[in-house]
Amino acid sequence: MTPKQTLFEGKAKALSSKNSEGKFDILAFHANFITIVEKEPIVVLTDKNEKVEFKFATAIISNNSNTVLVFAEPTTV
């Protein structure tokens, strides 16, 4: 989600990326989680096993109650 548009909305099996602590995956029923990702790919594995990749200068990823939101500026790296 950027201030101007939603880039992906739908069901996913996983979201993967890397933060300052290392690589991580958010799967179904993951614990509530929030992190900042800088200049790293954010990969969504859809429920149809398709990988969708996004890359932003900075993104905030929030997982709460099995819903993941990614907030980012629209500028890509």
PDB file of N, CA and C in Angstrom:
ATOM      1  N   MET A   1       0.856  -1.161   0.000  1.00  0.00           N
ATOM      2  CA  MET A   1       0.000   0.000   0.000  1.00  0.00           C
ATOM      3  C   MET A   1       0.906   1.229   0.000  1.00  0.00           C
ATOM      4  N   THR A   2       0.687   2.109  -0.926  1.00  0.00           N
ATOM      5  CA  THR A   2       1.407   3.375  -0.969  1.00  0.00           C
ATOM      6  C   THR A   2       0.404   4.487  -0.669  1.00  0.00           C
ATOM      7  N   PRO A   3       0.872   5.703  -0.455  1.00  0.00           N
ATOM      8  CA  PRO A   3      -0.090   6.783  -0.204  1.00  0.00           C
ATOM      9  C   PRO A   3      -1.074   6.987  -1.355  1.00  0.00           C
ATOM     10  N   LYS A   4      -0.743   6.499  -2.531  1.00  0.00           N
ATOM     11  CA  LYS A   4      -1.576   6.747  -3.700  1.00  0.00           C
ATOM     12  C   LYS A   4      -2.352   5.540  -4.193  1.00  0.00           C
ATOM     13  N   GLN A   5      -1.879   4.335  -3.893  1.00  0.00           N
ATOM     14  CA  GLN A   5      -2.557   3.174  -4.471  1.00  0.00           C
ATOM     15  C   GLN A   5      -2.238   1.890  -3.715  1.00  0.00           C
ATOM     16  N   THR A   6      -3.058   0.887  -3.944  1.00  0.00           N
ATOM     17  CA  THR A   6      -2.813  -0.452  -3.443  1.00  0.00           C
ATOM     18  C   THR A   6      -2.171  -1.241  -4.572  1.00  0.00           C
ATOM     19  N   LEU A   7      -0.998  -1.838  -4.303  1.00  0.00           N
ATOM     20  CA  LEU A   7      -0.272  -2.577  -5.332  1.00  0.00           C
ATOM     21  C   LEU A   7      -0.624  -4.055  -5.361  1.00  0.00           C
ATOM     22  N   PHE A   8      -1.059  -4.603  -4.221  1.00  0.00           N
ATOM     23  CA  PHE A   8      -1.468  -6.006  -4.162  1.00  0.00           C
ATOM     24  C   PHE A   8      -2.520  -6.141  -3.084  1.00  0.00           C
ATOM     25  N   GLU A   9      -3.568  -6.866  -3.403  1.00  0.00           N
ATOM     26  CA  GLU A   9      -4.590  -7.184  -2.412  1.00  0.00           C
ATOM     27  C   GLU A   9      -5.095  -8.566  -2.740  1.00  0.00           C
ATOM     28  N   GLY A  10      -5.073  -9.449  -1.772  1.00  0.00           N
ATOM     29  CA  GLY A  10      -5.546 -10.803  -2.013  1.00  0.00           C
ATOM     30  C   GLY A  10      -4.990 -11.761  -0.984  1.00  0.00           C
ATOM     31  N   LYS A  11      -5.264 -13.035  -1.192  1.00  0.00           N
ATOM     32  CA  LYS A  11      -4.792 -14.072  -0.280  1.00  0.00           C
ATOM     33  C   LYS A  11      -3.374 -14.466  -0.652  1.00  0.00           C
ATOM     34  N   ALA A  12      -2.599 -14.778   0.377  1.00  0.00           N
ATOM     35  CA  ALA A  12      -1.212 -15.173   0.163  1.00  0.00           C
ATOM     36  C   ALA A  12      -0.849 -16.298   1.118  1.00  0.00           C
ATOM     37  N   LYS A  13       0.091 -17.121   0.688  1.00  0.00           N
ATOM     38  CA  LYS A  13       0.610 -18.189   1.543  1.00  0.00           C
ATOM     39  C   LYS A  13       1.746 -17.679   2.422  1.00  0.00           C
ATOM     40  N   ALA A  14       2.516 -16.706   1.894  1.00  0.00           N
ATOM     41  CA  ALA A  14       3.671 -16.209   2.639  1.00  0.00           C
ATOM     42  C   ALA A  14       4.090 -14.845   2.123  1.00  0.00           C
ATOM     43  N   LEU A  15       4.758 -14.104   2.987  1.00  0.00           N
ATOM     44  CA  LEU A  15       5.451 -12.877   2.611  1.00  0.00           C
ATOM     45  C   LEU A  15       6.859 -13.022   3.160  1.00  0.00           C
ATOM     46  N   SER A  16       7.859 -12.777   2.319  1.00  0.00           N
ATOM     47  CA  SER A  16       9.259 -12.946   2.718  1.00  0.00           C
ATOM     48  C   SER A  16      10.046 -11.688   2.413  1.00  0.00           C
ATOM     49  N   SER A  17      11.013 -11.386   3.285  1.00  0.00           N
ATOM     50  CA  SER A  17      11.908 -10.259   3.055  1.00  0.00           C
ATOM     51  C   SER A  17      13.088 -10.369   4.017  1.00  0.00           C
ATOM     52  N   LYS A  18      13.804  -9.250   4.171  1.00  0.00           N
ATOM     53  CA  LYS A  18      14.964  -9.201   5.055  1.00  0.00           C
ATOM     54  C   LYS A  18      14.969  -7.852   5.750  1.00  0.00           C
ATOM     55  N   ASN A  19      15.143  -7.877   7.078  1.00  0.00           N
ATOM     56  CA  ASN A  19      15.254  -6.640   7.846  1.00  0.00           C
ATOM     57  C   ASN A  19      16.639  -6.571   8.486  1.00  0.00           C
ATOM     58  N   SER A  20      16.841  -5.674   9.417  1.00  0.00           N
ATOM     59  CA  SER A  20      18.155  -5.515  10.042  1.00  0.00           C
ATOM     60  C   SER A  20      18.589  -6.739  10.847  1.00  0.00           C
ATOM     61  N   GLU A  21      17.645  -7.596  11.217  1.00  0.00           N
ATOM     62  CA  GLU A  21      17.956  -8.813  11.970  1.00  0.00           C
ATOM     63  C   GLU A  21      18.222 -10.013  11.064  1.00  0.00           C
ATOM     64  N   GLY A  22      17.830  -9.923   9.798  1.00  0.00           N
ATOM     65  CA  GLY A  22      18.029 -11.031   8.861  1.00  0.00           C
ATOM     66  C   GLY A  22      16.758 -11.348   8.096  1.00  0.00           C
ATOM     67  N   LYS A  23      16.778 -12.491   7.408  1.00  0.00           N
ATOM     68  CA  LYS A  23      15.637 -12.907   6.589  1.00  0.00           C
ATOM     69  C   LYS A  23      14.473 -13.332   7.476  1.00  0.00           C
ATOM     70  N   PHE A  24      13.259 -13.112   6.972  1.00  0.00           N
ATOM     71  CA  PHE A  24      12.073 -13.560   7.705  1.00  0.00           C
ATOM     72  C   PHE A  24      10.971 -13.934   6.727  1.00  0.00           C
ATOM     73  N   ASP A  25      10.057 -14.759   7.200  1.00  0.00           N
ATOM     74  CA  ASP A  25       8.859 -15.157   6.464  1.00  0.00           C
ATOM     75  C   ASP A  25       7.665 -14.947   7.376  1.00  0.00           C
ATOM     76  N   ILE A  26       6.592 -14.444   6.815  1.00  0.00           N
ATOM     77  CA  ILE A  26       5.325 -14.357   7.537  1.00  0.00           C
ATOM     78  C   ILE A  26       4.396 -15.372   6.887  1.00  0.00           C
ATOM     79  N   LEU A  27       3.973 -16.348   7.671  1.00  0.00           N
ATOM     80  CA  LEU A  27       3.088 -17.416   7.200  1.00  0.00           C
ATOM     81  C   LEU A  27       1.733 -17.282   7.885  1.00  0.00           C
ATOM     82  N   ALA A  28       0.800 -18.107   7.491  1.00  0.00           N
ATOM     83  CA  ALA A  28      -0.531 -18.102   8.109  1.00  0.00           C
ATOM     84  C   ALA A  28      -0.409 -18.281   9.621  1.00  0.00           C
ATOM     85  N   PHE A  29      -1.188 -17.526  10.354  1.00  0.00           N
ATOM     86  CA  PHE A  29      -1.269 -17.575  11.814  1.00  0.00           C
ATOM     87  C   PHE A  29       0.041 -17.183  12.495  1.00  0.00           C
ATOM     88  N   HIS A  30       0.854 -16.377  11.821  1.00  0.00           N
ATOM     89  CA  HIS A  30       2.096 -15.849  12.382  1.00  0.00           C
ATOM     90  C   HIS A  30       1.756 -14.938  13.556  1.00  0.00           C
ATOM     91  N   ALA A  31       2.647 -14.855  14.511  1.00  0.00           N
ATOM     92  CA  ALA A  31       2.465 -13.931  15.633  1.00  0.00           C
ATOM     93  C   ALA A  31       2.412 -12.496  15.110  1.00  0.00           C
ATOM     94  N   ASN A  32       1.741 -11.626  15.855  1.00  0.00           N
ATOM     95  CA  ASN A  32       1.718 -10.221  15.465  1.00  0.00           C
ATOM     96  C   ASN A  32       3.157  -9.723  15.342  1.00  0.00           C
ATOM     97  N   PHE A  33       3.407  -8.875  14.343  1.00  0.00           N
ATOM     98  CA  PHE A  33       4.780  -8.559  13.949  1.00  0.00           C
ATOM     99  C   PHE A  33       4.786  -7.219  13.239  1.00  0.00           C
ATOM    100  N   ILE A  34       5.798  -6.406  13.507  1.00  0.00           N
ATOM    101  CA  ILE A  34       5.987  -5.171  12.748  1.00  0.00           C
ATOM    102  C   ILE A  34       7.481  -4.972  12.541  1.00  0.00           C
ATOM    103  N   THR A  35       7.860  -4.518  11.347  1.00  0.00           N
ATOM    104  CA  THR A  35       9.276  -4.331  11.044  1.00  0.00           C
ATOM    105  C   THR A  35       9.446  -3.292   9.949  1.00  0.00           C
ATOM    106  N   ILE A  36      10.666  -2.813   9.815  1.00  0.00           N
ATOM    107  CA  ILE A  36      11.033  -1.913   8.726  1.00  0.00           C
ATOM    108  C   ILE A  36      11.963  -2.665   7.787  1.00  0.00           C
ATOM    109  N   VAL A  37      11.700  -2.551   6.496  1.00  0.00           N
ATOM    110  CA  VAL A  37      12.539  -3.160   5.463  1.00  0.00           C
ATOM    111  C   VAL A  37      13.088  -2.026   4.610  1.00  0.00           C
ATOM    112  N   GLU A  38      14.409  -2.034   4.416  1.00  0.00           N
ATOM    113  CA  GLU A  38      15.039  -0.989   3.614  1.00  0.00           C
ATOM    114  C   GLU A  38      15.806  -1.597   2.447  1.00  0.00           C
ATOM    115  N   LYS A  39      15.427  -1.201   1.239  1.00  0.00           N
ATOM    116  CA  LYS A  39      16.126  -1.582   0.003  1.00  0.00           C
ATOM    117  C   LYS A  39      16.275  -3.090  -0.166  1.00  0.00           C
ATOM    118  N   GLU A  40      15.305  -3.840   0.291  1.00  0.00           N
ATOM    119  CA  GLU A  40      15.289  -5.297   0.136  1.00  0.00           C
ATOM    120  C   GLU A  40      13.994  -5.705  -0.552  1.00  0.00           C
ATOM    121  N   PRO A  41      14.039  -6.750  -1.365  1.00  0.00           N
ATOM    122  CA  PRO A  41      12.801  -7.215  -2.001  1.00  0.00           C
ATOM    123  C   PRO A  41      11.795  -7.714  -0.964  1.00  0.00           C
ATOM    124  N   ILE A  42      10.534  -7.474  -1.239  1.00  0.00           N
ATOM    125  CA  ILE A  42       9.431  -8.039  -0.466  1.00  0.00           C
ATOM    126  C   ILE A  42       8.709  -8.966  -1.430  1.00  0.00           C
ATOM    127  N   VAL A  43       8.683 -10.253  -1.101  1.00  0.00           N
ATOM    128  CA  VAL A  43       8.134 -11.257  -2.015  1.00  0.00           C
ATOM    129  C   VAL A  43       6.871 -11.851  -1.409  1.00  0.00           C
ATOM    130  N   VAL A  44       5.796 -11.796  -2.175  1.00  0.00           N
ATOM    131  CA  VAL A  44       4.523 -12.387  -1.770  1.00  0.00           C
ATOM    132  C   VAL A  44       4.335 -13.668  -2.561  1.00  0.00           C
ATOM    133  N   LEU A  45       4.093 -14.782  -1.865  1.00  0.00           N
ATOM    134  CA  LEU A  45       3.727 -16.040  -2.513  1.00  0.00           C
ATOM    135  C   LEU A  45       2.209 -16.128  -2.446  1.00  0.00           C
ATOM    136  N   THR A  46       1.565 -15.987  -3.601  1.00  0.00           N
ATOM    137  CA  THR A  46       0.101 -15.956  -3.627  1.00  0.00           C
ATOM    138  C   THR A  46      -0.478 -17.340  -3.353  1.00  0.00           C
ATOM    139  N   ASP A  47      -1.784 -17.372  -3.147  1.00  0.00           N
ATOM    140  CA  ASP A  47      -2.456 -18.655  -2.923  1.00  0.00           C
ATOM    141  C   ASP A  47      -2.449 -19.526  -4.178  1.00  0.00           C
ATOM    142  N   LYS A  48      -2.022 -18.960  -5.319  1.00  0.00           N
ATOM    143  CA  LYS A  48      -1.890 -19.726  -6.571  1.00  0.00           C
ATOM    144  C   LYS A  48      -0.428 -20.051  -6.861  1.00  0.00           C
ATOM    145  N   ASN A  49       0.432 -19.939  -5.824  1.00  0.00           N
ATOM    146  CA  ASN A  49       1.866 -20.234  -5.909  1.00  0.00           C
ATOM    147  C   ASN A  49       2.614 -19.346  -6.894  1.00  0.00           C
ATOM    148  N   GLU A  50       2.137 -18.131  -7.104  1.00  0.00           N
ATOM    149  CA  GLU A  50       2.836 -17.162  -7.944  1.00  0.00           C
ATOM    150  C   GLU A  50       3.596 -16.201  -7.036  1.00  0.00           C
ATOM    151  N   LYS A  51       4.837 -15.889  -7.413  1.00  0.00           N
ATOM    152  CA  LYS A  51       5.631 -14.937  -6.643  1.00  0.00           C
ATOM    153  C   LYS A  51       5.466 -13.544  -7.230  1.00  0.00           C
ATOM    154  N   VAL A  52       5.154 -12.601  -6.357  1.00  0.00           N
ATOM    155  CA  VAL A  52       5.026 -11.197  -6.736  1.00  0.00           C
ATOM    156  C   VAL A  52       6.056 -10.438  -5.904  1.00  0.00           C
ATOM    157  N   GLU A  53       6.955  -9.707  -6.571  1.00  0.00           N
ATOM    158  CA  GLU A  53       8.046  -9.030  -5.868  1.00  0.00           C
ATOM    159  C   GLU A  53       7.898  -7.513  -5.947  1.00  0.00           C
ATOM    160  N   PHE A  54       8.169  -6.875  -4.813  1.00  0.00           N
ATOM    161  CA  PHE A  54       8.157  -5.422  -4.709  1.00  0.00           C
ATOM    162  C   PHE A  54       9.475  -4.987  -4.085  1.00  0.00           C
ATOM    163  N   LYS A  55       9.940  -3.795  -4.442  1.00  0.00           N
ATOM    164  CA  LYS A  55      11.141  -3.243  -3.819  1.00  0.00           C
ATOM    165  C   LYS A  55      10.943  -1.745  -3.627  1.00  0.00           C
ATOM    166  N   PHE A  56      11.170  -1.304  -2.408  1.00  0.00           N
ATOM    167  CA  PHE A  56      10.991   0.095  -2.040  1.00  0.00           C
ATOM    168  C   PHE A  56      12.234   0.568  -1.295  1.00  0.00           C
ATOM    169  N   ALA A  57      12.437   1.866  -1.264  1.00  0.00           N
ATOM    170  CA  ALA A  57      13.540   2.409  -0.469  1.00  0.00           C
ATOM    171  C   ALA A  57      13.332   2.045   1.003  1.00  0.00           C
ATOM    172  N   THR A  58      12.113   2.244   1.492  1.00  0.00           N
ATOM    173  CA  THR A  58      11.756   1.902   2.871  1.00  0.00           C
ATOM    174  C   THR A  58      10.306   1.444   2.904  1.00  0.00           C
ATOM    175  N   ALA A  59      10.053   0.387   3.664  1.00  0.00           N
ATOM    176  CA  ALA A  59       8.684  -0.110   3.830  1.00  0.00           C
ATOM    177  C   ALA A  59       8.477  -0.532   5.281  1.00  0.00           C
ATOM    178  N   ILE A  60       7.278  -0.340   5.760  1.00  0.00           N
ATOM    179  CA  ILE A  60       6.881  -0.837   7.077  1.00  0.00           C
ATOM    180  C   ILE A  60       5.937  -2.005   6.828  1.00  0.00           C
ATOM    181  N   ILE A  61       6.259  -3.147   7.425  1.00  0.00           N
ATOM    182  CA  ILE A  61       5.430  -4.346   7.285  1.00  0.00           C
ATOM    183  C   ILE A  61       4.793  -4.631   8.636  1.00  0.00           C
ATOM    184  N   SER A  62       3.482  -4.795   8.624  1.00  0.00           N
ATOM    185  CA  SER A  62       2.732  -5.075   9.843  1.00  0.00           C
ATOM    186  C   SER A  62       1.881  -6.322   9.634  1.00  0.00           C
ATOM    187  N   ASN A  63       1.982  -7.256  10.569  1.00  0.00           N
ATOM    188  CA  ASN A  63       1.119  -8.435  10.567  1.00  0.00           C
ATOM    189  C   ASN A  63       0.323  -8.408  11.863  1.00  0.00           C
ATOM    190  N   ASN A  64      -1.002  -8.369  11.736  1.00  0.00           N
ATOM    191  CA  ASN A  64      -1.865  -8.325  12.908  1.00  0.00           C
ATOM    192  C   ASN A  64      -3.100  -9.162  12.620  1.00  0.00           C
ATOM    193  N   SER A  65      -3.348 -10.148  13.450  1.00  0.00           N
ATOM    194  CA  SER A  65      -4.531 -11.006  13.315  1.00  0.00           C
ATOM    195  C   SER A  65      -4.639 -11.616  11.921  1.00  0.00           C
ATOM    196  N   ASN A  66      -3.511 -12.119  11.423  1.00  0.00           N
ATOM    197  CA  ASN A  66      -3.461 -12.842  10.147  1.00  0.00           C
ATOM    198  C   ASN A  66      -3.709 -11.946   8.928  1.00  0.00           C
ATOM    199  N   THR A  67      -3.505 -10.644   9.095  1.00  0.00           N
ATOM    200  CA  THR A  67      -3.595  -9.695   7.985  1.00  0.00           C
ATOM    201  C   THR A  67      -2.280  -8.934   7.904  1.00  0.00           C
ATOM    202  N   VAL A  68      -1.660  -8.954   6.734  1.00  0.00           N
ATOM    203  CA  VAL A  68      -0.386  -8.267   6.535  1.00  0.00           C
ATOM    204  C   VAL A  68      -0.626  -6.991   5.738  1.00  0.00           C
ATOM    205  N   LEU A  69      -0.063  -5.897   6.229  1.00  0.00           N
ATOM    206  CA  LEU A  69      -0.093  -4.621   5.520  1.00  0.00           C
ATOM    207  C   LEU A  69       1.341  -4.171   5.297  1.00  0.00           C
ATOM    208  N   VAL A  70       1.617  -3.648   4.117  1.00  0.00           N
ATOM    209  CA  VAL A  70       2.926  -3.086   3.801  1.00  0.00           C
ATOM    210  C   VAL A  70       2.697  -1.635   3.408  1.00  0.00           C
ATOM    211  N   PHE A  71       3.333  -0.733   4.126  1.00  0.00           N
ATOM    212  CA  PHE A  71       3.216   0.694   3.841  1.00  0.00           C
ATOM    213  C   PHE A  71       4.546   1.171   3.281  1.00  0.00           C
ATOM    214  N   ALA A  72       4.507   1.840   2.122  1.00  0.00           N
ATOM    215  CA  ALA A  72       5.750   2.258   1.477  1.00  0.00           C
ATOM    216  C   ALA A  72       5.524   3.484   0.621  1.00  0.00           C
ATOM    217  N   GLU A  73       6.593   4.202   0.392  1.00  0.00           N
ATOM    218  CA  GLU A  73       6.566   5.297  -0.570  1.00  0.00           C
ATOM    219  C   GLU A  73       6.536   4.691  -1.965  1.00  0.00           C
ATOM    220  N   PRO A  74       5.938   5.367  -2.928  1.00  0.00           N
ATOM    221  CA  PRO A  74       5.821   4.791  -4.268  1.00  0.00           C
ATOM    222  C   PRO A  74       7.125   4.733  -5.047  1.00  0.00           C
ATOM    223  N   THR A  75       8.177   5.370  -4.567  1.00  0.00           N
ATOM    224  CA  THR A  75       9.451   5.351  -5.270  1.00  0.00           C
ATOM    225  C   THR A  75      10.104   3.988  -5.126  1.00  0.00           C
ATOM    226  N   THR A  76      10.462   3.364  -6.246  1.00  0.00           N
ATOM    227  CA  THR A  76      11.153   2.081  -6.195  1.00  0.00           C
ATOM    228  C   THR A  76      12.648   2.305  -6.263  1.00  0.00           C
ATOM    229  N   VAL A  77      13.401   1.302  -5.862  1.00  0.00           N
ATOM    230  CA  VAL A  77      14.863   1.367  -5.877  1.00  0.00           C
ATOM    231  C   VAL A  77      15.365   0.571  -7.047  1.00  0.00           C
TER     232      VAL A  77
END
